Amino acid sequence: YDKAHGNAVILTMDMNFREVYLAGFYKAEDYLDNGRLQAIRS
């Protein structure tokens, strides 16, 4: 959001292996940590 390679959260849907992955970068890494991302995914 703020710059190239900056604050972002990504939801990736892999339709081949039927998997979903959530990742938080920079500010999102702090505010959307592993536990919060897992809660969102569930």
PDB file of all heavy atoms in Angstrom:
ATOM      1  N   TYR A   1       0.826  -1.210   0.000  1.00  0.00           N
ATOM      2  CA  TYR A   1       0.000   0.000   0.000  1.00  0.00           C
ATOM      3  C   TYR A   1       0.856   1.254   0.000  1.00  0.00           C
ATOM      4  O   TYR A   1       0.609   2.195  -0.750  1.00  0.00           O
ATOM      5  CB  TYR A   1      -0.915   0.007   1.233  1.00  0.00           C
ATOM      6  CG  TYR A   1      -1.718   1.277   1.370  1.00  0.00           C
ATOM      7  CD1 TYR A   1      -2.935   1.409   0.700  1.00  0.00           C
ATOM      8  CD2 TYR A   1      -1.266   2.348   2.144  1.00  0.00           C
ATOM      9  CE1 TYR A   1      -3.676   2.580   0.802  1.00  0.00           C
ATOM     10  CE2 TYR A   1      -1.997   3.512   2.246  1.00  0.00           C
ATOM     11  CZ  TYR A   1      -3.203   3.626   1.581  1.00  0.00           C
ATOM     12  OH  TYR A   1      -3.930   4.790   1.677  1.00  0.00           O
ATOM     13  N   ASP A   2       1.866   1.276   0.864  1.00  0.00           N
ATOM     14  CA  ASP A   2       2.651   2.477   1.085  1.00  0.00           C
ATOM     15  C   ASP A   2       3.840   2.617   0.146  1.00  0.00           C
ATOM     16  O   ASP A   2       4.321   3.714  -0.117  1.00  0.00           O
ATOM     17  CB  ASP A   2       3.146   2.522   2.531  1.00  0.00           C
ATOM     18  CG  ASP A   2       3.811   1.206   2.963  1.00  0.00           C
ATOM     19  OD1 ASP A   2       3.482   0.164   2.368  1.00  0.00           O
ATOM     20  OD2 ASP A   2       4.650   1.235   3.876  1.00  0.00           O
ATOM     21  N   LYS A   3       4.318   1.480  -0.362  1.00  0.00           N
ATOM     22  CA  LYS A   3       5.498   1.492  -1.233  1.00  0.00           C
ATOM     23  C   LYS A   3       5.611   0.118  -1.885  1.00  0.00           C
ATOM     24  O   LYS A   3       4.887  -0.822  -1.544  1.00  0.00           O
ATOM     25  CB  LYS A   3       6.771   1.781  -0.415  1.00  0.00           C
ATOM     26  CG  LYS A   3       7.027   0.740   0.663  1.00  0.00           C
ATOM     27  CD  LYS A   3       8.280   1.039   1.485  1.00  0.00           C
ATOM     28  CE  LYS A   3       8.487  -0.029   2.549  1.00  0.00           C
ATOM     29  NZ  LYS A   3       9.692   0.233   3.363  1.00  0.00           N
ATOM     30  N   ALA A   4       6.522   0.000  -2.845  1.00  0.00           N
ATOM     31  CA  ALA A   4       6.801  -1.314  -3.417  1.00  0.00           C
ATOM     32  C   ALA A   4       7.367  -2.207  -2.324  1.00  0.00           C
ATOM     33  O   ALA A   4       8.252  -1.798  -1.563  1.00  0.00           O
ATOM     34  CB  ALA A   4       7.806  -1.175  -4.560  1.00  0.00           C
ATOM     35  N   HIS A   5       6.824  -3.425  -2.213  1.00  0.00           N
ATOM     36  CA  HIS A   5       7.172  -4.335  -1.126  1.00  0.00           C
ATOM     37  C   HIS A   5       6.872  -3.681   0.220  1.00  0.00           C
ATOM     38  O   HIS A   5       7.742  -3.553   1.077  1.00  0.00           O
ATOM     39  CB  HIS A   5       8.646  -4.763  -1.202  1.00  0.00           C
ATOM     40  CG  HIS A   5       8.973  -5.493  -2.459  1.00  0.00           C
ATOM     41  ND1 HIS A   5       9.926  -5.051  -3.344  1.00  0.00           N
ATOM     42  CD2 HIS A   5       8.466  -6.626  -3.000  1.00  0.00           C
ATOM     43  CE1 HIS A   5      10.003  -5.878  -4.367  1.00  0.00           C
ATOM     44  NE2 HIS A   5       9.124  -6.856  -4.180  1.00  0.00           N
ATOM     45  N   GLY A   6       5.617  -3.282   0.387  1.00  0.00           N
ATOM     46  CA  GLY A   6       5.176  -2.620   1.611  1.00  0.00           C
ATOM     47  C   GLY A   6       4.071  -3.388   2.309  1.00  0.00           C
ATOM     48  O   GLY A   6       4.012  -4.629   2.259  1.00  0.00           O
ATOM     49  N   ASN A   7       3.172  -2.650   2.967  1.00  0.00           N
ATOM     50  CA  ASN A   7       2.099  -3.251   3.760  1.00  0.00           C
ATOM     51  C   ASN A   7       1.093  -3.974   2.865  1.00  0.00           C
ATOM     52  O   ASN A   7       0.468  -3.353   1.998  1.00  0.00           O
ATOM     53  CB  ASN A   7       1.348  -2.176   4.557  1.00  0.00           C
ATOM     54  CG  ASN A   7       2.271  -1.370   5.454  1.00  0.00           C
ATOM     55  OD1 ASN A   7       3.319  -1.853   5.876  1.00  0.00           O
ATOM     56  ND2 ASN A   7       1.872  -0.143   5.758  1.00  0.00           N
ATOM     57  N   ALA A   8       0.940  -5.260   3.089  1.00  0.00           N
ATOM     58  CA  ALA A   8      -0.001  -6.036   2.283  1.00  0.00           C
ATOM     59  C   ALA A   8      -0.370  -7.331   2.994  1.00  0.00           C
ATOM     60  O   ALA A   8       0.416  -7.866   3.777  1.00  0.00           O
ATOM     61  CB  ALA A   8       0.601  -6.362   0.907  1.00  0.00           C
ATOM     62  N   VAL A   9      -1.578  -7.810   2.718  1.00  0.00           N
ATOM     63  CA  VAL A   9      -1.990  -9.146   3.123  1.00  0.00           C
ATOM     64  C   VAL A   9      -2.544  -9.822   1.876  1.00  0.00           C
ATOM     65  O   VAL A   9      -3.281  -9.207   1.100  1.00  0.00           O
ATOM     66  CB  VAL A   9      -3.030  -9.121   4.272  1.00  0.00           C
ATOM     67  CG1 VAL A   9      -4.239  -8.277   3.922  1.00  0.00           C
ATOM     68  CG2 VAL A   9      -3.461 -10.524   4.629  1.00  0.00           C
ATOM     69  N   ILE A  10      -2.149 -11.071   1.660  1.00  0.00           N
ATOM     70  CA  ILE A  10      -2.518 -11.792   0.433  1.00  0.00           C
ATOM     71  C   ILE A  10      -3.250 -13.080   0.772  1.00  0.00           C
ATOM     72  O   ILE A  10      -2.808 -13.846   1.634  1.00  0.00           O
ATOM     73  CB  ILE A  10      -1.262 -12.131  -0.401  1.00  0.00           C
ATOM     74  CG1 ILE A  10      -0.457 -10.877  -0.707  1.00  0.00           C
ATOM     75  CG2 ILE A  10      -1.661 -12.832  -1.704  1.00  0.00           C
ATOM     76  CD1 ILE A  10       0.871 -11.159  -1.415  1.00  0.00           C
ATOM     77  N   LEU A  11      -4.371 -13.287   0.111  1.00  0.00           N
ATOM     78  CA  LEU A  11      -5.062 -14.574   0.155  1.00  0.00           C
ATOM     79  C   LEU A  11      -4.827 -15.260  -1.181  1.00  0.00           C
ATOM     80  O   LEU A  11      -5.198 -14.733  -2.229  1.00  0.00           O
ATOM     81  CB  LEU A  11      -6.564 -14.391   0.390  1.00  0.00           C
ATOM     82  CG  LEU A  11      -7.421 -15.657   0.495  1.00  0.00           C
ATOM     83  CD1 LEU A  11      -8.684 -15.384   1.313  1.00  0.00           C
ATOM     84  CD2 LEU A  11      -7.837 -16.219  -0.866  1.00  0.00           C
ATOM     85  N   THR A  12      -4.196 -16.419  -1.152  1.00  0.00           N
ATOM     86  CA  THR A  12      -3.922 -17.178  -2.378  1.00  0.00           C
ATOM     87  C   THR A  12      -4.761 -18.443  -2.409  1.00  0.00           C
ATOM     88  O   THR A  12      -4.731 -19.243  -1.469  1.00  0.00           O
ATOM     89  CB  THR A  12      -2.429 -17.562  -2.470  1.00  0.00           C
ATOM     90  OG1 THR A  12      -1.640 -16.373  -2.432  1.00  0.00           O
ATOM     91  CG2 THR A  12      -2.149 -18.318  -3.763  1.00  0.00           C
ATOM     92  N   MET A  13      -5.511 -18.621  -3.493  1.00  0.00           N
ATOM     93  CA  MET A  13      -6.333 -19.816  -3.705  1.00  0.00           C
ATOM     94  C   MET A  13      -5.666 -20.692  -4.763  1.00  0.00           C
ATOM     95  O   MET A  13      -5.580 -20.311  -5.929  1.00  0.00           O
ATOM     96  CB  MET A  13      -7.725 -19.418  -4.205  1.00  0.00           C
ATOM     97  CG  MET A  13      -8.614 -18.838  -3.145  1.00  0.00           C
ATOM     98  SD  MET A  13      -9.632 -20.080  -2.346  1.00  0.00           S
ATOM     99  CE  MET A  13     -10.530 -20.754  -3.701  1.00  0.00           C
ATOM    100  N   ASP A  14      -5.201 -21.859  -4.355  1.00  0.00           N
ATOM    101  CA  ASP A  14      -4.588 -22.816  -5.274  1.00  0.00           C
ATOM    102  C   ASP A  14      -5.647 -23.851  -5.646  1.00  0.00           C
ATOM    103  O   ASP A  14      -5.960 -24.749  -4.862  1.00  0.00           O
ATOM    104  CB  ASP A  14      -3.389 -23.477  -4.597  1.00  0.00           C
ATOM    105  CG  ASP A  14      -2.748 -24.568  -5.456  1.00  0.00           C
ATOM    106  OD1 ASP A  14      -3.182 -24.756  -6.613  1.00  0.00           O
ATOM    107  OD2 ASP A  14      -1.815 -25.231  -4.960  1.00  0.00           O
ATOM    108  N   MET A  15      -6.202 -23.732  -6.856  1.00  0.00           N
ATOM    109  CA  MET A  15      -7.287 -24.622  -7.276  1.00  0.00           C
ATOM    110  C   MET A  15      -6.764 -25.986  -7.711  1.00  0.00           C
ATOM    111  O   MET A  15      -7.547 -26.934  -7.854  1.00  0.00           O
ATOM    112  CB  MET A  15      -8.077 -23.979  -8.426  1.00  0.00           C
ATOM    113  CG  MET A  15      -8.736 -22.658  -8.056  1.00  0.00           C
ATOM    114  SD  MET A  15      -9.824 -22.780  -6.611  1.00  0.00           S
ATOM    115  CE  MET A  15     -11.119 -23.843  -7.268  1.00  0.00           C
ATOM    116  N   ASN A  16      -5.458 -26.114  -7.919  1.00  0.00           N
ATOM    117  CA  ASN A  16      -4.874 -27.391  -8.317  1.00  0.00           C
ATOM    118  C   ASN A  16      -4.827 -28.355  -7.129  1.00  0.00           C
ATOM    119  O   ASN A  16      -5.355 -29.459  -7.183  1.00  0.00           O
ATOM    120  CB  ASN A  16      -3.468 -27.163  -8.888  1.00  0.00           C
ATOM    121  CG  ASN A  16      -2.860 -28.428  -9.445  1.00  0.00           C
ATOM    122  OD1 ASN A  16      -3.493 -29.477  -9.516  1.00  0.00           O
ATOM    123  ND2 ASN A  16      -1.603 -28.350  -9.853  1.00  0.00           N
ATOM    124  N   PHE A  17      -4.236 -27.895  -6.031  1.00  0.00           N
ATOM    125  CA  PHE A  17      -4.111 -28.741  -4.839  1.00  0.00           C
ATOM    126  C   PHE A  17      -5.192 -28.447  -3.793  1.00  0.00           C
ATOM    127  O   PHE A  17      -5.147 -29.008  -2.698  1.00  0.00           O
ATOM    128  CB  PHE A  17      -2.726 -28.557  -4.216  1.00  0.00           C
ATOM    129  CG  PHE A  17      -1.604 -29.069  -5.077  1.00  0.00           C
ATOM    130  CD1 PHE A  17      -0.743 -28.191  -5.714  1.00  0.00           C
ATOM    131  CD2 PHE A  17      -1.436 -30.426  -5.273  1.00  0.00           C
ATOM    132  CE1 PHE A  17       0.285 -28.651  -6.512  1.00  0.00           C
ATOM    133  CE2 PHE A  17      -0.403 -30.910  -6.068  1.00  0.00           C
ATOM    134  CZ  PHE A  17       0.457 -30.022  -6.704  1.00  0.00           C
ATOM    135  N   ARG A  18      -6.132 -27.548  -4.135  1.00  0.00           N
ATOM    136  CA  ARG A  18      -7.229 -27.192  -3.236  1.00  0.00           C
ATOM    137  C   ARG A  18      -6.687 -26.706  -1.883  1.00  0.00           C
ATOM    138  O   ARG A  18      -7.076 -27.160  -0.823  1.00  0.00           O
ATOM    139  CB  ARG A  18      -8.175 -28.377  -3.025  1.00  0.00           C
ATOM    140  CG  ARG A  18      -8.781 -28.935  -4.282  1.00  0.00           C
ATOM    141  CD  ARG A  18      -9.863 -28.047  -4.844  1.00  0.00           C
ATOM    142  NE  ARG A  18     -11.012 -27.947  -3.942  1.00  0.00           N
ATOM    143  CZ  ARG A  18     -12.105 -27.223  -4.233  1.00  0.00           C
ATOM    144  NH1 ARG A  18     -12.161 -26.555  -5.380  1.00  0.00           N
ATOM    145  NH2 ARG A  18     -13.116 -27.171  -3.388  1.00  0.00           N
ATOM    146  N   GLU A  19      -5.764 -25.756  -1.949  1.00  0.00           N
ATOM    147  CA  GLU A  19      -5.201 -25.174  -0.750  1.00  0.00           C
ATOM    148  C   GLU A  19      -5.376 -23.661  -0.767  1.00  0.00           C
ATOM    149  O   GLU A  19      -5.439 -23.037  -1.833  1.00  0.00           O
ATOM    150  CB  GLU A  19      -3.713 -25.500  -0.618  1.00  0.00           C
ATOM    151  CG  GLU A  19      -3.408 -26.880  -0.085  1.00  0.00           C
ATOM    152  CD  GLU A  19      -1.953 -27.019   0.305  1.00  0.00           C
ATOM    153  OE1 GLU A  19      -1.099 -26.929  -0.598  1.00  0.00           O
ATOM    154  OE2 GLU A  19      -1.667 -27.207   1.504  1.00  0.00           O
ATOM    155  N   VAL A  20      -5.442 -23.079   0.426  1.00  0.00           N
ATOM    156  CA  VAL A  20      -5.517 -21.630   0.567  1.00  0.00           C
ATOM    157  C   VAL A  20      -4.419 -21.194   1.524  1.00  0.00           C
ATOM    158  O   VAL A  20      -4.118 -21.888   2.500  1.00  0.00           O
ATOM    159  CB  VAL A  20      -6.908 -21.187   1.084  1.00  0.00           C
ATOM    160  CG1 VAL A  20      -7.219 -21.812   2.438  1.00  0.00           C
ATOM    161  CG2 VAL A  20      -6.990 -19.665   1.170  1.00  0.00           C
ATOM    162  N   TYR A  21      -3.792 -20.060   1.212  1.00  0.00           N
ATOM    163  CA  TYR A  21      -2.718 -19.533   2.056  1.00  0.00           C
ATOM    164  C   TYR A  21      -2.932 -18.044   2.270  1.00  0.00           C
ATOM    165  O   TYR A  21      -3.243 -17.302   1.329  1.00  0.00           O
ATOM    166  CB  TYR A  21      -1.352 -19.772   1.409  1.00  0.00           C
ATOM    167  CG  TYR A  21      -0.192 -19.387   2.300  1.00  0.00           C
ATOM    168  CD1 TYR A  21       0.144 -20.173   3.397  1.00  0.00           C
ATOM    169  CD2 TYR A  21       0.556 -18.238   2.067  1.00  0.00           C
ATOM    170  CE1 TYR A  21       1.197 -19.832   4.231  1.00  0.00           C
ATOM    171  CE2 TYR A  21       1.615 -17.885   2.894  1.00  0.00           C
ATOM    172  CZ  TYR A  21       1.929 -18.688   3.975  1.00  0.00           C
ATOM    173  OH  TYR A  21       2.972 -18.347   4.811  1.00  0.00           O
ATOM    174  N   LEU A  22      -2.797 -17.606   3.514  1.00  0.00           N
ATOM    175  CA  LEU A  22      -2.884 -16.195   3.858  1.00  0.00           C
ATOM    176  C   LEU A  22      -1.527 -15.738   4.388  1.00  0.00           C
ATOM    177  O   LEU A  22      -0.931 -16.424   5.222  1.00  0.00           O
ATOM    178  CB  LEU A  22      -3.952 -15.946   4.931  1.00  0.00           C
ATOM    179  CG  LEU A  22      -5.400 -15.823   4.462  1.00  0.00           C
ATOM    180  CD1 LEU A  22      -5.922 -17.187   4.022  1.00  0.00           C
ATOM    181  CD2 LEU A  22      -6.295 -15.265   5.559  1.00  0.00           C
ATOM    182  N   ALA A  23      -1.061 -14.587   3.909  1.00  0.00           N
ATOM    183  CA  ALA A  23       0.240 -14.065   4.327  1.00  0.00           C
ATOM    184  C   ALA A  23       0.133 -12.571   4.581  1.00  0.00           C
ATOM    185  O   ALA A  23      -0.487 -11.839   3.808  1.00  0.00           O
ATOM    186  CB  ALA A  23       1.298 -14.337   3.261  1.00  0.00           C
ATOM    187  N   GLY A  24       0.738 -12.114   5.695  1.00  0.00           N
ATOM    188  CA  GLY A  24       0.749 -10.690   6.019  1.00  0.00           C
ATOM    189  C   GLY A  24       2.164 -10.144   5.987  1.00  0.00           C
ATOM    190  O   GLY A  24       3.080 -10.731   6.575  1.00  0.00           O
ATOM    191  N   PHE A  25       2.350  -9.019   5.301  1.00  0.00           N
ATOM    192  CA  PHE A  25       3.679  -8.424   5.147  1.00  0.00           C
ATOM    193  C   PHE A  25       3.746  -7.060   5.837  1.00  0.00           C
ATOM    194  O   PHE A  25       2.823  -6.253   5.748  1.00  0.00           O
ATOM    195  CB  PHE A  25       4.020  -8.259   3.664  1.00  0.00           C
ATOM    196  CG  PHE A  25       4.153  -9.561   2.917  1.00  0.00           C
ATOM    197  CD1 PHE A  25       3.037 -10.194   2.389  1.00  0.00           C
ATOM    198  CD2 PHE A  25       5.397 -10.169   2.748  1.00  0.00           C
ATOM    199  CE1 PHE A  25       3.154 -11.396   1.694  1.00  0.00           C
ATOM    200  CE2 PHE A  25       5.521 -11.363   2.069  1.00  0.00           C
ATOM    201  CZ  PHE A  25       4.397 -11.980   1.541  1.00  0.00           C
ATOM    202  N   TYR A  26       4.859  -6.813   6.509  1.00  0.00           N
ATOM    203  CA  TYR A  26       5.165  -5.556   7.183  1.00  0.00           C
ATOM    204  C   TYR A  26       4.078  -5.204   8.203  1.00  0.00           C
ATOM    205  O   TYR A  26       3.894  -5.925   9.176  1.00  0.00           O
ATOM    206  CB  TYR A  26       5.459  -4.451   6.164  1.00  0.00           C
ATOM    207  CG  TYR A  26       6.775  -4.735   5.462  1.00  0.00           C
ATOM    208  CD1 TYR A  26       6.799  -5.403   4.242  1.00  0.00           C
ATOM    209  CD2 TYR A  26       7.984  -4.405   6.066  1.00  0.00           C
ATOM    210  CE1 TYR A  26       8.009  -5.729   3.625  1.00  0.00           C
ATOM    211  CE2 TYR A  26       9.197  -4.726   5.461  1.00  0.00           C
ATOM    212  CZ  TYR A  26       9.202  -5.387   4.252  1.00  0.00           C
ATOM    213  OH  TYR A  26      10.388  -5.719   3.665  1.00  0.00           O
ATOM    214  N   LYS A  27       3.317  -4.132   8.044  1.00  0.00           N
ATOM    215  CA  LYS A  27       2.302  -3.792   9.044  1.00  0.00           C
ATOM    216  C   LYS A  27       1.332  -4.951   9.257  1.00  0.00           C
ATOM    217  O   LYS A  27       0.931  -5.237  10.385  1.00  0.00           O
ATOM    218  CB  LYS A  27       1.541  -2.537   8.625  1.00  0.00           C
ATOM    219  CG  LYS A  27       0.492  -2.092   9.646  1.00  0.00           C
ATOM    220  CD  LYS A  27      -0.249  -0.856   9.176  1.00  0.00           C
ATOM    221  CE  LYS A  27      -1.292  -0.436  10.210  1.00  0.00           C
ATOM    222  NZ  LYS A  27      -2.037   0.776   9.768  1.00  0.00           N
ATOM    223  N   ALA A  28       0.963  -5.612   8.175  1.00  0.00           N
ATOM    224  CA  ALA A  28       0.034  -6.740   8.275  1.00  0.00           C
ATOM    225  C   ALA A  28       0.666  -7.928   8.997  1.00  0.00           C
ATOM    226  O   ALA A  28      -0.043  -8.739   9.589  1.00  0.00           O
ATOM    227  CB  ALA A  28      -0.443  -7.162   6.879  1.00  0.00           C
ATOM    228  N   GLU A  29       1.985  -8.036   8.953  1.00  0.00           N
ATOM    229  CA  GLU A  29       2.648  -9.122   9.677  1.00  0.00           C
ATOM    230  C   GLU A  29       2.471  -8.937  11.185  1.00  0.00           C
ATOM    231  O   GLU A  29       2.323  -9.915  11.928  1.00  0.00           O
ATOM    232  CB  GLU A  29       4.138  -9.174   9.335  1.00  0.00           C
ATOM    233  CG  GLU A  29       4.878 -10.324  10.020  1.00  0.00           C
ATOM    234  CD  GLU A  29       6.358 -10.393   9.644  1.00  0.00           C
ATOM    235  OE1 GLU A  29       6.859  -9.422   9.029  1.00  0.00           O
ATOM    236  OE2 GLU A  29       7.003 -11.411   9.986  1.00  0.00           O
ATOM    237  N   ASP A  30       2.476  -7.674  11.635  1.00  0.00           N
ATOM    238  CA  ASP A  30       2.295  -7.383  13.061  1.00  0.00           C
ATOM    239  C   ASP A  30       0.835  -7.492  13.479  1.00  0.00           C
ATOM    240  O   ASP A  30       0.516  -8.081  14.515  1.00  0.00           O
ATOM    241  CB  ASP A  30       2.822  -5.978  13.382  1.00  0.00           C
ATOM    242  CG  ASP A  30       4.329  -5.868  13.188  1.00  0.00           C
ATOM    243  OD1 ASP A  30       5.022  -6.877  13.397  1.00  0.00           O
ATOM    244  OD2 ASP A  30       4.805  -4.774  12.827  1.00  0.00           O
ATOM    245  N   TYR A  31      -0.062  -6.899  12.678  1.00  0.00           N
ATOM    246  CA  TYR A  31      -1.475  -6.830  13.056  1.00  0.00           C
ATOM    247  C   TYR A  31      -2.264  -8.075  12.644  1.00  0.00           C
ATOM    248  O   TYR A  31      -3.326  -8.332  13.203  1.00  0.00           O
ATOM    249  CB  TYR A  31      -2.115  -5.579  12.453  1.00  0.00           C
ATOM    250  CG  TYR A  31      -1.765  -4.310  13.192  1.00  0.00           C
ATOM    251  CD1 TYR A  31      -0.571  -3.647  12.961  1.00  0.00           C
ATOM    252  CD2 TYR A  31      -2.628  -3.785  14.146  1.00  0.00           C
ATOM    253  CE1 TYR A  31      -0.237  -2.484  13.646  1.00  0.00           C
ATOM    254  CE2 TYR A  31      -2.317  -2.621  14.832  1.00  0.00           C
ATOM    255  CZ  TYR A  31      -1.118  -1.981  14.578  1.00  0.00           C
ATOM    256  OH  TYR A  31      -0.799  -0.837  15.273  1.00  0.00           O
ATOM    257  N   LEU A  32      -1.777  -8.795  11.665  1.00  0.00           N
ATOM    258  CA  LEU A  32      -2.405 -10.059  11.252  1.00  0.00           C
ATOM    259  C   LEU A  32      -1.353 -11.157  11.411  1.00  0.00           C
ATOM    260  O   LEU A  32      -0.797 -11.653  10.434  1.00  0.00           O
ATOM    261  CB  LEU A  32      -2.908  -9.973   9.805  1.00  0.00           C
ATOM    262  CG  LEU A  32      -4.037  -8.961   9.555  1.00  0.00           C
ATOM    263  CD1 LEU A  32      -4.372  -8.885   8.071  1.00  0.00           C
ATOM    264  CD2 LEU A  32      -5.278  -9.302  10.354  1.00  0.00           C
ATOM    265  N   ASP A  33      -1.069 -11.505  12.653  1.00  0.00           N
ATOM    266  CA  ASP A  33      -0.057 -12.527  12.919  1.00  0.00           C
ATOM    267  C   ASP A  33      -0.600 -13.912  12.572  1.00  0.00           C
ATOM    268  O   ASP A  33      -1.724 -14.047  12.063  1.00  0.00           O
ATOM    269  CB  ASP A  33       0.396 -12.460  14.371  1.00  0.00           C
ATOM    270  CG  ASP A  33      -0.766 -12.632  15.364  1.00  0.00           C
ATOM    271  OD1 ASP A  33      -1.835 -13.124  14.960  1.00  0.00           O
ATOM    272  OD2 ASP A  33      -0.602 -12.269  16.536  1.00  0.00           O
ATOM    273  N   ASN A  34       0.185 -14.948  12.851  1.00  0.00           N
ATOM    274  CA  ASN A  34      -0.228 -16.308  12.480  1.00  0.00           C
ATOM    275  C   ASN A  34      -1.581 -16.680  13.082  1.00  0.00           C
ATOM    276  O   ASN A  34      -2.435 -17.269  12.408  1.00  0.00           O
ATOM    277  CB  ASN A  34       0.821 -17.322  12.954  1.00  0.00           C
ATOM    278  CG  ASN A  34       2.177 -17.104  12.301  1.00  0.00           C
ATOM    279  OD1 ASN A  34       2.303 -16.355  11.335  1.00  0.00           O
ATOM    280  ND2 ASN A  34       3.200 -17.747  12.831  1.00  0.00           N
ATOM    281  N   GLY A  35      -1.777 -16.330  14.352  1.00  0.00           N
ATOM    282  CA  GLY A  35      -3.020 -16.683  15.023  1.00  0.00           C
ATOM    283  C   GLY A  35      -4.229 -15.999  14.419  1.00  0.00           C
ATOM    284  O   GLY A  35      -5.279 -16.627  14.216  1.00  0.00           O
ATOM    285  N   ARG A  36      -4.111 -14.719  14.123  1.00  0.00           N
ATOM    286  CA  ARG A  36      -5.237 -13.986  13.533  1.00  0.00           C
ATOM    287  C   ARG A  36      -5.532 -14.473  12.110  1.00  0.00           C
ATOM    288  O   ARG A  36      -6.694 -14.592  11.722  1.00  0.00           O
ATOM    289  CB  ARG A  36      -4.960 -12.487  13.541  1.00  0.00           C
ATOM    290  CG  ARG A  36      -4.952 -11.886  14.944  1.00  0.00           C
ATOM    291  CD  ARG A  36      -4.795 -10.372  14.916  1.00  0.00           C
ATOM    292  NE  ARG A  36      -4.769  -9.820  16.271  1.00  0.00           N
ATOM    293  CZ  ARG A  36      -4.724  -8.520  16.554  1.00  0.00           C
ATOM    294  NH1 ARG A  36      -4.684  -7.634  15.569  1.00  0.00           N
ATOM    295  NH2 ARG A  36      -4.717  -8.097  17.807  1.00  0.00           N
ATOM    296  N   LEU A  37      -4.486 -14.740  11.344  1.00  0.00           N
ATOM    297  CA  LEU A  37      -4.703 -15.255   9.990  1.00  0.00           C
ATOM    298  C   LEU A  37      -5.365 -16.628  10.037  1.00  0.00           C
ATOM    299  O   LEU A  37      -6.225 -16.948   9.203  1.00  0.00           O
ATOM    300  CB  LEU A  37      -3.376 -15.334   9.232  1.00  0.00           C
ATOM    301  CG  LEU A  37      -2.752 -13.998   8.807  1.00  0.00           C
ATOM    302  CD1 LEU A  37      -1.450 -14.249   8.052  1.00  0.00           C
ATOM    303  CD2 LEU A  37      -3.710 -13.187   7.936  1.00  0.00           C
ATOM    304  N   GLN A  38      -4.985 -17.441  11.011  1.00  0.00           N
ATOM    305  CA  GLN A  38      -5.583 -18.757  11.137  1.00  0.00           C
ATOM    306  C   GLN A  38      -7.067 -18.640  11.503  1.00  0.00           C
ATOM    307  O   GLN A  38      -7.904 -19.409  11.027  1.00  0.00           O
ATOM    308  CB  GLN A  38      -4.847 -19.586  12.190  1.00  0.00           C
ATOM    309  CG  GLN A  38      -5.233 -21.060  12.181  1.00  0.00           C
ATOM    310  CD  GLN A  38      -4.102 -21.948  12.675  1.00  0.00           C
ATOM    311  OE1 GLN A  38      -2.925 -21.641  12.423  1.00  0.00           O
ATOM    312  NE2 GLN A  38      -4.427 -23.027  13.330  1.00  0.00           N
ATOM    313  N   ALA A  39      -7.402 -17.652  12.348  1.00  0.00           N
ATOM    314  CA  ALA A  39      -8.798 -17.422  12.713  1.00  0.00           C
ATOM    315  C   ALA A  39      -9.608 -16.988  11.494  1.00  0.00           C
ATOM    316  O   ALA A  39     -10.750 -17.434  11.294  1.00  0.00           O
ATOM    317  CB  ALA A  39      -8.883 -16.371  13.815  1.00  0.00           C
ATOM    318  N   ILE A  40      -9.020 -16.128  10.655  1.00  0.00           N
ATOM    319  CA  ILE A  40      -9.703 -15.685   9.432  1.00  0.00           C
ATOM    320  C   ILE A  40      -9.904 -16.865   8.489  1.00  0.00           C
ATOM    321  O   ILE A  40     -10.991 -17.066   7.935  1.00  0.00           O
ATOM    322  CB  ILE A  40      -8.894 -14.571   8.736  1.00  0.00           C
ATOM    323  CG1 ILE A  40      -8.867 -13.311   9.603  1.00  0.00           C
ATOM    324  CG2 ILE A  40      -9.475 -14.258   7.356  1.00  0.00           C
ATOM    325  CD1 ILE A  40      -7.936 -12.225   9.099  1.00  0.00           C
ATOM    326  N   ARG A  41      -8.851 -17.666   8.328  1.00  0.00           N
ATOM    327  CA  ARG A  41      -8.945 -18.803   7.407  1.00  0.00           C
ATOM    328  C   ARG A  41     -10.014 -19.797   7.846  1.00  0.00           C
ATOM    329  O   ARG A  41     -10.768 -20.329   7.021  1.00  0.00           O
ATOM    330  CB  ARG A  41      -7.577 -19.498   7.295  1.00  0.00           C
ATOM    331  CG  ARG A  41      -7.557 -20.623   6.260  1.00  0.00           C
ATOM    332  CD  ARG A  41      -6.162 -21.239   6.161  1.00  0.00           C
ATOM    333  NE  ARG A  41      -5.697 -21.754   7.436  1.00  0.00           N
ATOM    334  CZ  ARG A  41      -6.111 -22.921   7.947  1.00  0.00           C
ATOM    335  NH1 ARG A  41      -6.989 -23.656   7.300  1.00  0.00           N
ATOM    336  NH2 ARG A  41      -5.630 -23.339   9.105  1.00  0.00           N
ATOM    337  N   SER A  42     -10.104 -20.037   9.149  1.00  0.00           N
ATOM    338  CA  SER A  42     -11.112 -20.992   9.636  1.00  0.00           C
ATOM    339  C   SER A  42     -12.524 -20.472   9.400  1.00  0.00           C
ATOM    340  O   SER A  42     -13.457 -21.265   9.227  1.00  0.00           O
ATOM    341  CB  SER A  42     -10.887 -21.275  11.122  1.00  0.00           C
ATOM    342  OG  SER A  42     -11.131 -20.124  11.906  1.00  0.00           O
TER     343      SER A  42
END
